[in-house]
PDB file of N, CA and C in Angstrom:
ATOM      1  N   MET A   1      -0.036-133.257-106.475  1.00  0.00           N
ATOM      2  CA  MET A   1      -0.761-132.728-105.366  1.00  0.00           C
ATOM      3  C   MET A   1      -0.719-131.195-105.430  1.00  0.00           C
ATOM      4  N   THR A   2      -1.852-130.562-105.268  1.00  0.00           N
ATOM      5  CA  THR A   2      -1.944-129.111-105.329  1.00  0.00           C
ATOM      6  C   THR A   2      -1.713-128.523-103.948  1.00  0.00           C
ATOM      7  N   GLU A   3      -0.819-127.560-103.920  1.00  0.00           N
ATOM      8  CA  GLU A   3      -0.549-126.892-102.648  1.00  0.00           C
ATOM      9  C   GLU A   3      -1.537-125.753-102.479  1.00  0.00           C
ATOM     10  N   GLU A   4      -2.226-125.748-101.356  1.00  0.00           N
ATOM     11  CA  GLU A   4      -3.218-124.712-101.091  1.00  0.00           C
ATOM     12  C   GLU A   4      -2.517-123.465-100.559  1.00  0.00           C
ATOM     13  N   LYS A   5      -2.821-122.350-101.187  1.00  0.00           N
ATOM     14  CA  LYS A   5      -2.229-121.090-100.746  1.00  0.00           C
ATOM     15  C   LYS A   5      -3.155-120.437 -99.733  1.00  0.00           C
ATOM     16  N   LYS A   6      -2.577-120.024 -98.628  1.00  0.00           N
ATOM     17  CA  LYS A   6      -3.355-119.318 -97.624  1.00  0.00           C
ATOM     18  C   LYS A   6      -3.250-117.819 -97.881  1.00  0.00           C
ATOM     19  N   ILE A   7      -4.384-117.186 -97.810  1.00  0.00           N
ATOM     20  CA  ILE A   7      -4.430-115.743 -97.985  1.00  0.00           C
ATOM     21  C   ILE A   7      -4.701-115.132 -96.616  1.00  0.00           C
ATOM     22  N   GLU A   8      -3.793-114.300 -96.184  1.00  0.00           N
ATOM     23  CA  GLU A   8      -3.956-113.658 -94.895  1.00  0.00           C
ATOM     24  C   GLU A   8      -4.590-112.282 -95.069  1.00  0.00           C
ATOM     25  N   ALA A   9      -5.481-111.963 -94.139  1.00  0.00           N
ATOM     26  CA  ALA A   9      -6.075-110.633 -94.153  1.00  0.00           C
ATOM     27  C   ALA A   9      -5.015-109.616 -93.758  1.00  0.00           C
ATOM     28  N   ARG A  10      -5.062-108.488 -94.394  1.00  0.00           N
ATOM     29  CA  ARG A  10      -4.122-107.414 -94.068  1.00  0.00           C
ATOM     30  C   ARG A  10      -4.866-106.314 -93.326  1.00  0.00           C
ATOM     31  N   ASP A  11      -4.175-105.673 -92.442  1.00  0.00           N
ATOM     32  CA  ASP A  11      -4.752-104.564 -91.692  1.00  0.00           C
ATOM     33  C   ASP A  11      -4.281-103.218 -92.221  1.00  0.00           C
ATOM     34  N   THR A  12      -3.675-103.217 -93.398  1.00  0.00           N
ATOM     35  CA  THR A  12      -3.110-101.988 -93.947  1.00  0.00           C
ATOM     36  C   THR A  12      -4.214-101.069 -94.469  1.00  0.00           C
ATOM     37  N   VAL A  13      -4.119 -99.804 -94.079  1.00  0.00           N
ATOM     38  CA  VAL A  13      -5.026 -98.774 -94.568  1.00  0.00           C
ATOM     39  C   VAL A  13      -4.168 -97.603 -95.050  1.00  0.00           C
ATOM     40  N   GLY A  14      -4.766 -96.743 -95.854  1.00  0.00           N
ATOM     41  CA  GLY A  14      -3.993 -95.615 -96.342  1.00  0.00           C
ATOM     42  C   GLY A  14      -4.861 -94.515 -96.907  1.00  0.00           C
ATOM     43  N   MET A  15      -4.220 -93.388 -97.103  1.00  0.00           N
ATOM     44  CA  MET A  15      -4.899 -92.266 -97.749  1.00  0.00           C
ATOM     45  C   MET A  15      -3.869 -91.448 -98.510  1.00  0.00           C
ATOM     46  N   VAL A  16      -4.363 -90.745 -99.505  1.00  0.00           N
ATOM     47  CA  VAL A  16      -3.521 -89.861-100.310  1.00  0.00           C
ATOM     48  C   VAL A  16      -4.130 -88.466-100.205  1.00  0.00           C
ATOM     49  N   LEU A  17      -3.282 -87.511 -99.794  1.00  0.00           N
ATOM     50  CA  LEU A  17      -3.720 -86.127 -99.668  1.00  0.00           C
ATOM     51  C   LEU A  17      -2.996 -85.262-100.694  1.00  0.00           C
ATOM     52  N   MET A  18      -3.739 -84.355-101.329  1.00  0.00           N
ATOM     53  CA  MET A  18      -3.127 -83.400-102.248  1.00  0.00           C
ATOM     54  C   MET A  18      -2.383 -82.354-101.437  1.00  0.00           C
ATOM     55  N   GLY A  19      -1.235 -81.952-101.912  1.00  0.00           N
ATOM     56  CA  GLY A  19      -0.435 -80.957-101.221  1.00  0.00           C
ATOM     57  C   GLY A  19      -1.203 -79.669-100.990  1.00  0.00           C
ATOM     58  N   SER A  20      -1.207 -79.209 -99.756  1.00  0.00           N
ATOM     59  CA  SER A  20      -1.900 -77.983 -99.365  1.00  0.00           C
ATOM     60  C   SER A  20      -1.475 -77.658 -97.940  1.00  0.00           C
ATOM     61  N   ALA A  21      -1.862 -76.495 -97.465  1.00  0.00           N
ATOM     62  CA  ALA A  21      -1.568 -76.143 -96.073  1.00  0.00           C
ATOM     63  C   ALA A  21      -2.238 -77.142 -95.136  1.00  0.00           C
ATOM     64  N   GLU A  22      -3.470 -77.546 -95.455  1.00  0.00           N
ATOM     65  CA  GLU A  22      -4.190 -78.515 -94.620  1.00  0.00           C
ATOM     66  C   GLU A  22      -3.466 -79.854 -94.593  1.00  0.00           C
ATOM     67  N   ALA A  23      -3.000 -80.302 -95.748  1.00  0.00           N
ATOM     68  CA  ALA A  23      -2.279 -81.583 -95.813  1.00  0.00           C
ATOM     69  C   ALA A  23      -0.960 -81.497 -95.062  1.00  0.00           C
ATOM     70  N   ASP A  24      -0.243 -80.386 -95.206  1.00  0.00           N
ATOM     71  CA  ASP A  24       1.031 -80.218 -94.502  1.00  0.00           C
ATOM     72  C   ASP A  24       0.833 -80.353 -92.992  1.00  0.00           C
ATOM     73  N   VAL A  25      -0.192 -79.694 -92.467  1.00  0.00           N
ATOM     74  CA  VAL A  25      -0.467 -79.743 -91.029  1.00  0.00           C
ATOM     75  C   VAL A  25      -0.927 -81.134 -90.618  1.00  0.00           C
ATOM     76  N   ALA A  26      -1.813 -81.748 -91.391  1.00  0.00           N
ATOM     77  CA  ALA A  26      -2.290 -83.099 -91.069  1.00  0.00           C
ATOM     78  C   ALA A  26      -1.128 -84.079 -91.020  1.00  0.00           C
ATOM     79  N   VAL A  27      -0.223 -83.991 -91.976  1.00  0.00           N
ATOM     80  CA  VAL A  27       0.942 -84.881 -92.013  1.00  0.00           C
ATOM     81  C   VAL A  27       1.850 -84.612 -90.818  1.00  0.00           C
ATOM     82  N   GLU A  28       2.058 -83.354 -90.499  1.00  0.00           N
ATOM     83  CA  GLU A  28       2.880 -82.997 -89.334  1.00  0.00           C
ATOM     84  C   GLU A  28       2.294 -83.622 -88.060  1.00  0.00           C
ATOM     85  N   MET A  29       0.979 -83.513 -87.897  1.00  0.00           N
ATOM     86  CA  MET A  29       0.316 -84.068 -86.716  1.00  0.00           C
ATOM     87  C   MET A  29       0.388 -85.591 -86.695  1.00  0.00           C
ATOM     88  N   LEU A  30       0.175 -86.212 -87.848  1.00  0.00           N
ATOM     89  CA  LEU A  30       0.255 -87.679 -87.906  1.00  0.00           C
ATOM     90  C   LEU A  30       1.661 -88.171 -87.585  1.00  0.00           C
ATOM     91  N   ARG A  31       2.677 -87.454 -88.043  1.00  0.00           N
ATOM     92  CA  ARG A  31       4.063 -87.841 -87.727  1.00  0.00           C
ATOM     93  C   ARG A  31       4.320 -87.768 -86.227  1.00  0.00           C
ATOM     94  N   GLU A  32       3.729 -86.780 -85.565  1.00  0.00           N
ATOM     95  CA  GLU A  32       3.880 -86.642 -84.110  1.00  0.00           C
ATOM     96  C   GLU A  32       3.128 -87.745 -83.364  1.00  0.00           C
ATOM     97  N   GLU A  33       1.885 -88.000 -83.785  1.00  0.00           N
ATOM     98  CA  GLU A  33       1.010 -88.932 -83.079  1.00  0.00           C
ATOM     99  C   GLU A  33       1.266 -90.390 -83.433  1.00  0.00           C
ATOM    100  N   ARG A  34       1.658 -90.638 -84.669  1.00  0.00           N
ATOM    101  CA  ARG A  34       1.803 -92.009 -85.159  1.00  0.00           C
ATOM    102  C   ARG A  34       3.128 -92.181 -85.898  1.00  0.00           C
ATOM    103  N   PRO A  35       4.247 -92.275 -85.178  1.00  0.00           N
ATOM    104  CA  PRO A  35       5.542 -92.422 -85.847  1.00  0.00           C
ATOM    105  C   PRO A  35       5.668 -93.729 -86.630  1.00  0.00           C
ATOM    106  N   ASP A  36       4.738 -94.659 -86.405  1.00  0.00           N
ATOM    107  CA  ASP A  36       4.760 -95.933 -87.129  1.00  0.00           C
ATOM    108  C   ASP A  36       4.216 -95.812 -88.550  1.00  0.00           C
ATOM    109  N   LEU A  37       3.539 -94.716 -88.873  1.00  0.00           N
ATOM    110  CA  LEU A  37       2.976 -94.557 -90.219  1.00  0.00           C
ATOM    111  C   LEU A  37       4.088 -94.382 -91.244  1.00  0.00           C
ATOM    112  N   ARG A  38       3.825 -94.873 -92.442  1.00  0.00           N
ATOM    113  CA  ARG A  38       4.737 -94.679 -93.564  1.00  0.00           C
ATOM    114  C   ARG A  38       4.185 -93.512 -94.383  1.00  0.00           C
ATOM    115  N   ILE A  39       4.934 -92.407 -94.390  1.00  0.00           N
ATOM    116  CA  ILE A  39       4.475 -91.197 -95.073  1.00  0.00           C
ATOM    117  C   ILE A  39       5.534 -90.783 -96.083  1.00  0.00           C
ATOM    118  N   SER A  40       5.097 -90.622 -97.312  1.00  0.00           N
ATOM    119  CA  SER A  40       6.018 -90.166 -98.350  1.00  0.00           C
ATOM    120  C   SER A  40       5.337 -89.071 -99.164  1.00  0.00           C
ATOM    121  N   LYS A  41       6.160 -88.251 -99.789  1.00  0.00           N
ATOM    122  CA  LYS A  41       5.624 -87.197-100.644  1.00  0.00           C
ATOM    123  C   LYS A  41       6.148 -87.403-102.050  1.00  0.00           C
ATOM    124  N   THR A  42       5.229 -87.416-103.003  1.00  0.00           N
ATOM    125  CA  THR A  42       5.573 -87.562-104.404  1.00  0.00           C
ATOM    126  C   THR A  42       4.913 -86.416-105.151  1.00  0.00           C
ATOM    127  N   ASN A  43       5.734 -85.607-105.776  1.00  0.00           N
ATOM    128  CA  ASN A  43       5.231 -84.416-106.463  1.00  0.00           C
ATOM    129  C   ASN A  43       4.377 -83.604-105.497  1.00  0.00           C
ATOM    130  N   CYS A  44       3.084 -83.529-105.751  1.00  0.00           N
ATOM    131  CA  CYS A  44       2.223 -82.724-104.879  1.00  0.00           C
ATOM    132  C   CYS A  44       1.279 -83.575-104.028  1.00  0.00           C
ATOM    133  N   TYR A  45       1.599 -84.840-103.824  1.00  0.00           N
ATOM    134  CA  TYR A  45       0.746 -85.731-103.041  1.00  0.00           C
ATOM    135  C   TYR A  45       1.495 -86.340-101.865  1.00  0.00           C
ATOM    136  N   TYR A  46       0.789 -86.489-100.751  1.00  0.00           N
ATOM    137  CA  TYR A  46       1.289 -87.243 -99.612  1.00  0.00           C
ATOM    138  C   TYR A  46       0.636 -88.616 -99.619  1.00  0.00           C
ATOM    139  N   MET A  47       1.430 -89.663 -99.536  1.00  0.00           N
ATOM    140  CA  MET A  47       0.930 -91.026 -99.404  1.00  0.00           C
ATOM    141  C   MET A  47       1.127 -91.418 -97.944  1.00  0.00           C
ATOM    142  N   ILE A  48       0.049 -91.771 -97.265  1.00  0.00           N
ATOM    143  CA  ILE A  48       0.081 -92.110 -95.847  1.00  0.00           C
ATOM    144  C   ILE A  48      -0.445 -93.531 -95.703  1.00  0.00           C
ATOM    145  N   GLU A  49       0.339 -94.390 -95.078  1.00  0.00           N
ATOM    146  CA  GLU A  49      -0.040 -95.797 -94.961  1.00  0.00           C
ATOM    147  C   GLU A  49       0.314 -96.307 -93.564  1.00  0.00           C
ATOM    148  N   GLY A  50      -0.556 -97.158 -93.028  1.00  0.00           N
ATOM    149  CA  GLY A  50      -0.310 -97.721 -91.707  1.00  0.00           C
ATOM    150  C   GLY A  50      -1.164 -98.938 -91.458  1.00  0.00           C
ATOM    151  N   GLU A  51      -1.023 -99.474 -90.274  1.00  0.00           N
ATOM    152  CA  GLU A  51      -1.769-100.674 -89.904  1.00  0.00           C
ATOM    153  C   GLU A  51      -2.910-100.307 -88.968  1.00  0.00           C
ATOM    154  N   GLY A  52      -4.064-100.913 -89.200  1.00  0.00           N
ATOM    155  CA  GLY A  52      -5.201-100.768 -88.289  1.00  0.00           C
ATOM    156  C   GLY A  52      -6.098 -99.594 -88.567  1.00  0.00           C
ATOM    157  N   LYS A  53      -5.565 -98.391 -88.402  1.00  0.00           N
ATOM    158  CA  LYS A  53      -6.394 -97.200 -88.620  1.00  0.00           C
ATOM    159  C   LYS A  53      -5.518 -95.970 -88.787  1.00  0.00           C
ATOM    160  N   ILE A  54      -6.088 -94.995 -89.458  1.00  0.00           N
ATOM    161  CA  ILE A  54      -5.503 -93.660 -89.550  1.00  0.00           C
ATOM    162  C   ILE A  54      -6.652 -92.690 -89.308  1.00  0.00           C
ATOM    163  N   GLU A  55      -6.502 -91.848 -88.306  1.00  0.00           N
ATOM    164  CA  GLU A  55      -7.543 -90.874 -87.986  1.00  0.00           C
ATOM    165  C   GLU A  55      -6.950 -89.469 -88.010  1.00  0.00           C
ATOM    166  N   ILE A  56      -7.722 -88.545 -88.549  1.00  0.00           N
ATOM    167  CA  ILE A  56      -7.304 -87.145 -88.576  1.00  0.00           C
ATOM    168  C   ILE A  56      -8.367 -86.324 -87.869  1.00  0.00           C
ATOM    169  N   ASP A  57      -7.952 -85.607 -86.833  1.00  0.00           N
ATOM    170  CA  ASP A  57      -8.837 -84.687 -86.113  1.00  0.00           C
ATOM    171  C   ASP A  57      -8.823 -83.369 -86.882  1.00  0.00           C
ATOM    172  N   VAL A  58      -9.852 -83.149 -87.636  1.00  0.00           N
ATOM    173  CA  VAL A  58      -9.913 -81.992 -88.529  1.00  0.00           C
ATOM    174  C   VAL A  58      -9.975 -80.689 -87.735  1.00  0.00           C
ATOM    175  N   ASN A  59     -10.646 -80.696 -86.578  1.00  0.00           N
ATOM    176  CA  ASN A  59     -10.666 -79.491 -85.735  1.00  0.00           C
ATOM    177  C   ASN A  59      -9.256 -79.108 -85.304  1.00  0.00           C
ATOM    178  N   ALA A  60      -8.450 -80.109 -84.920  1.00  0.00           N
ATOM    179  CA  ALA A  60      -7.075 -79.847 -84.493  1.00  0.00           C
ATOM    180  C   ALA A  60      -6.238 -79.313 -85.653  1.00  0.00           C
ATOM    181  N   VAL A  61      -6.482 -79.804 -86.858  1.00  0.00           N
ATOM    182  CA  VAL A  61      -5.781 -79.275 -88.040  1.00  0.00           C
ATOM    183  C   VAL A  61      -6.131 -77.797 -88.206  1.00  0.00           C
ATOM    184  N   GLY A  62      -7.413 -77.482 -88.089  1.00  0.00           N
ATOM    185  CA  GLY A  62      -7.850 -76.086 -88.200  1.00  0.00           C
ATOM    186  C   GLY A  62      -7.240 -75.193 -87.140  1.00  0.00           C
ATOM    187  N   GLU A  63      -7.148 -75.714 -85.906  1.00  0.00           N
ATOM    188  CA  GLU A  63      -6.538 -74.922 -84.830  1.00  0.00           C
ATOM    189  C   GLU A  63      -5.083 -74.589 -85.154  1.00  0.00           C
ATOM    190  N   ARG A  64      -4.340 -75.564 -85.662  1.00  0.00           N
ATOM    191  CA  ARG A  64      -2.932 -75.297 -86.014  1.00  0.00           C
ATOM    192  C   ARG A  64      -2.825 -74.318 -87.180  1.00  0.00           C
ATOM    193  N   LEU A  65      -3.814 -74.353 -88.064  1.00  0.00           N
ATOM    194  CA  LEU A  65      -3.815 -73.415 -89.191  1.00  0.00           C
ATOM    195  C   LEU A  65      -4.251 -72.014 -88.770  1.00  0.00           C
ATOM    196  N   GLY A  66      -4.911 -71.922 -87.601  1.00  0.00           N
ATOM    197  CA  GLY A  66      -5.398 -70.637 -87.121  1.00  0.00           C
ATOM    198  C   GLY A  66      -6.722 -70.224 -87.718  1.00  0.00           C
ATOM    199  N   ARG A  67      -7.478 -71.217 -88.181  1.00  0.00           N
ATOM    200  CA  ARG A  67      -8.799 -70.927 -88.747  1.00  0.00           C
ATOM    201  C   ARG A  67      -9.692 -72.157 -88.604  1.00  0.00           C
ATOM    202  N   GLU A  68     -10.981 -71.937 -88.773  1.00  0.00           N
ATOM    203  CA  GLU A  68     -11.919 -73.054 -88.696  1.00  0.00           C
ATOM    204  C   GLU A  68     -11.758 -73.945 -89.919  1.00  0.00           C
ATOM    205  N   LEU A  69     -11.893 -75.248 -89.674  1.00  0.00           N
ATOM    206  CA  LEU A  69     -11.853 -76.214 -90.773  1.00  0.00           C
ATOM    207  C   LEU A  69     -12.851 -77.300 -90.451  1.00  0.00           C
ATOM    208  N   ASP A  70     -13.758 -77.560 -91.378  1.00  0.00           N
ATOM    209  CA  ASP A  70     -14.715 -78.639 -91.159  1.00  0.00           C
ATOM    210  C   ASP A  70     -14.345 -79.844 -92.023  1.00  0.00           C
ATOM    211  N   VAL A  71     -14.960 -80.972 -91.718  1.00  0.00           N
ATOM    212  CA  VAL A  71     -14.612 -82.217 -92.412  1.00  0.00           C
ATOM    213  C   VAL A  71     -14.873 -82.127 -93.914  1.00  0.00           C
ATOM    214  N   PRO A  72     -16.030 -81.622 -94.370  1.00  0.00           N
ATOM    215  CA  PRO A  72     -16.230 -81.536 -95.832  1.00  0.00           C
ATOM    216  C   PRO A  72     -15.149 -80.727 -96.541  1.00  0.00           C
ATOM    217  N   SER A  73     -14.709 -79.632 -95.924  1.00  0.00           N
ATOM    218  CA  SER A  73     -13.645 -78.818 -96.537  1.00  0.00           C
ATOM    219  C   SER A  73     -12.332 -79.584 -96.571  1.00  0.00           C
ATOM    220  N   PHE A  74     -12.048 -80.362 -95.519  1.00  0.00           N
ATOM    221  CA  PHE A  74     -10.821 -81.150 -95.487  1.00  0.00           C
ATOM    222  C   PHE A  74     -10.852 -82.240 -96.563  1.00  0.00           C
ATOM    223  N   LEU A  75     -12.012 -82.839 -96.765  1.00  0.00           N
ATOM    224  CA  LEU A  75     -12.110 -83.951 -97.728  1.00  0.00           C
ATOM    225  C   LEU A  75     -11.832 -83.515 -99.168  1.00  0.00           C
ATOM    226  N   VAL A  76     -11.868 -82.222 -99.436  1.00  0.00           N
ATOM    227  CA  VAL A  76     -11.550 -81.718-100.773  1.00  0.00           C
ATOM    228  C   VAL A  76     -10.115 -82.096-101.164  1.00  0.00           C
ATOM    229  N   ILE A  77      -9.201 -82.164-100.187  1.00  0.00           N
ATOM    230  CA  ILE A  77      -7.799 -82.488-100.493  1.00  0.00           C
ATOM    231  C   ILE A  77      -7.528 -83.993-100.480  1.00  0.00           C
ATOM    232  N   MET A  78      -8.543 -84.783-100.161  1.00  0.00           N
ATOM    233  CA  MET A  78      -8.383 -86.239-100.137  1.00  0.00           C
ATOM    234  C   MET A  78      -8.495 -86.768-101.564  1.00  0.00           C
ATOM    235  N   SER A  79      -7.389 -87.286-102.066  1.00  0.00           N
ATOM    236  CA  SER A  79      -7.369 -87.793-103.426  1.00  0.00           C
ATOM    237  C   SER A  79      -7.869 -89.228-103.483  1.00  0.00           C
ATOM    238  N   SER A  80      -7.485 -90.017-102.472  1.00  0.00           N
ATOM    239  CA  SER A  80      -7.829 -91.434-102.470  1.00  0.00           C
ATOM    240  C   SER A  80      -7.645 -91.978-101.065  1.00  0.00           C
ATOM    241  N   TYR A  81      -8.238 -93.137-100.817  1.00  0.00           N
ATOM    242  CA  TYR A  81      -8.024 -93.834 -99.555  1.00  0.00           C
ATOM    243  C   TYR A  81      -8.289 -95.312 -99.773  1.00  0.00           C
ATOM    244  N   TYR A  82      -7.751 -96.136 -98.895  1.00  0.00           N
ATOM    245  CA  TYR A  82      -8.129 -97.539 -98.877  1.00  0.00           C
ATOM    246  C   TYR A  82      -8.252 -97.985 -97.439  1.00  0.00           C
ATOM    247  N   GLY A  83      -9.289 -98.749 -97.213  1.00  0.00           N
ATOM    248  CA  GLY A  83      -9.741 -99.113 -95.883  1.00  0.00           C
ATOM    249  C   GLY A  83     -11.208 -98.738 -95.809  1.00  0.00           C
ATOM    250  N   ARG A  84     -11.775 -98.865 -94.633  1.00  0.00           N
ATOM    251  CA  ARG A  84     -13.182 -98.514 -94.446  1.00  0.00           C
ATOM    252  C   ARG A  84     -13.253 -97.094 -93.903  1.00  0.00           C
ATOM    253  N   ALA A  85     -13.836 -96.218 -94.678  1.00  0.00           N
ATOM    254  CA  ALA A  85     -13.894 -94.802 -94.301  1.00  0.00           C
ATOM    255  C   ALA A  85     -14.984 -94.565 -93.279  1.00  0.00           C
ATOM    256  N   GLN A  86     -14.681 -93.684 -92.346  1.00  0.00           N
ATOM    257  CA  GLN A  86     -15.653 -93.280 -91.332  1.00  0.00           C
ATOM    258  C   GLN A  86     -15.522 -91.770 -91.165  1.00  0.00           C
ATOM    259  N   VAL A  87     -16.647 -91.087 -91.300  1.00  0.00           N
ATOM    260  CA  VAL A  87     -16.664 -89.633 -91.155  1.00  0.00           C
ATOM    261  C   VAL A  87     -17.521 -89.301 -89.948  1.00  0.00           C
ATOM    262  N   SER A  88     -16.984 -88.465 -89.059  1.00  0.00           N
ATOM    263  CA  SER A  88     -17.788 -87.963 -87.951  1.00  0.00           C
ATOM    264  C   SER A  88     -17.784 -86.441 -88.038  1.00  0.00           C
ATOM    265  N   GLU A  89     -18.353 -85.805 -87.056  1.00  0.00           N
ATOM    266  CA  GLU A  89     -18.480 -84.349 -87.101  1.00  0.00           C
ATOM    267  C   GLU A  89     -17.122 -83.645 -87.155  1.00  0.00           C
ATOM    268  N   HIS A  90     -16.110 -84.209 -86.477  1.00  0.00           N
ATOM    269  CA  HIS A  90     -14.826 -83.535 -86.386  1.00  0.00           C
ATOM    270  C   HIS A  90     -13.637 -84.364 -86.866  1.00  0.00           C
ATOM    271  N   THR A  91     -13.873 -85.599 -87.282  1.00  0.00           N
ATOM    272  CA  THR A  91     -12.753 -86.455 -87.681  1.00  0.00           C
ATOM    273  C   THR A  91     -13.051 -87.198 -88.978  1.00  0.00           C
ATOM    274  N   PHE A  92     -11.969 -87.570 -89.643  1.00  0.00           N
ATOM    275  CA  PHE A  92     -12.039 -88.487 -90.776  1.00  0.00           C
ATOM    276  C   PHE A  92     -11.038 -89.596 -90.490  1.00  0.00           C
ATOM    277  N   GLY A  93     -11.459 -90.831 -90.736  1.00  0.00           N
ATOM    278  CA  GLY A  93     -10.555 -91.944 -90.517  1.00  0.00           C
ATOM    279  C   GLY A  93     -10.787 -93.065 -91.508  1.00  0.00           C
ATOM    280  N   VAL A  94      -9.762 -93.877 -91.687  1.00  0.00           N
ATOM    281  CA  VAL A  94      -9.881 -95.120 -92.440  1.00  0.00           C
ATOM    282  C   VAL A  94      -9.433 -96.244 -91.505  1.00  0.00           C
ATOM    283  N   TYR A  95     -10.168 -97.345 -91.548  1.00  0.00           N
ATOM    284  CA  TYR A  95      -9.998 -98.422 -90.585  1.00  0.00           C
ATOM    285  C   TYR A  95      -9.935 -99.766 -91.290  1.00  0.00           C
ATOM    286  N   SER A  96      -9.233-100.692 -90.691  1.00  0.00           N
ATOM    287  CA  SER A  96      -9.192-102.038 -91.240  1.00  0.00           C
ATOM    288  C   SER A  96     -10.355-102.867 -90.710  1.00  0.00           C
ATOM    289  N   GLU A  97     -10.941-102.452 -89.597  1.00  0.00           N
ATOM    290  CA  GLU A  97     -12.063-103.180 -89.008  1.00  0.00           C
ATOM    291  C   GLU A  97     -13.376-102.631 -89.546  1.00  0.00           C
ATOM    292  N   MET A  98     -14.406-103.460 -89.458  1.00  0.00           N
ATOM    293  CA  MET A  98     -15.735-103.020 -89.865  1.00  0.00           C
ATOM    294  C   MET A  98     -16.431-102.474 -88.627  1.00  0.00           C
ATOM    295  N   LEU A  99     -16.258-101.194 -88.371  1.00  0.00           N
ATOM    296  CA  LEU A  99     -16.709-100.575 -87.130  1.00  0.00           C
ATOM    297  C   LEU A  99     -18.213-100.671 -86.928  1.00  0.00           C
ATOM    298  N   GLN A 100     -18.979-100.507 -87.977  1.00  0.00           N
ATOM    299  CA  GLN A 100     -20.431-100.526 -87.828  1.00  0.00           C
ATOM    300  C   GLN A 100     -20.917-101.901 -87.365  1.00  0.00           C
ATOM    301  N   LEU A 101     -20.272-102.960 -87.805  1.00  0.00           N
ATOM    302  CA  LEU A 101     -20.689-104.298 -87.405  1.00  0.00           C
ATOM    303  C   LEU A 101     -20.222-104.640 -86.007  1.00  0.00           C
ATOM    304  N   GLU A 102     -19.079-104.114 -85.603  1.00  0.00           N
ATOM    305  CA  GLU A 102     -18.522-104.461 -84.301  1.00  0.00           C
ATOM    306  C   GLU A 102     -19.198-103.707 -83.174  1.00  0.00           C
ATOM    307  N   ASP A 103     -19.881-102.599 -83.473  1.00  0.00           N
ATOM    308  CA  ASP A 103     -20.570-101.843 -82.435  1.00  0.00           C
ATOM    309  C   ASP A 103     -21.877-102.497 -82.030  1.00  0.00           C
ATOM    310  N   LYS A 104     -22.396-103.410 -82.828  1.00  0.00           N
ATOM    311  CA  LYS A 104     -23.708-104.025 -82.552  1.00  0.00           C
ATOM    312  C   LYS A 104     -23.586-105.172 -81.601  1.00  0.00           C
TER     313      LYS A 104
END
């Protein structure tokens, strides 16, 4: 008799940021806002992983840096991500849900 294996959906999402002033501030903010995230640094990269979603308010990162920062400029330090990416005017996020389908 063959045992059927059940595959469970995972809600894990993540992103990898290259070391930079922007990444340092983003990680600092994520640690404050989301203590449940798993954040590690390897060489010059930050690995950020969590459940459900990870959102970065790029305007807030720029404010802490003391200069303007837009989403396209922030995405330059994004090495990789997994999850469903969503870009808005001031934020970048990765989500486990399919946001475009759930809004309809």
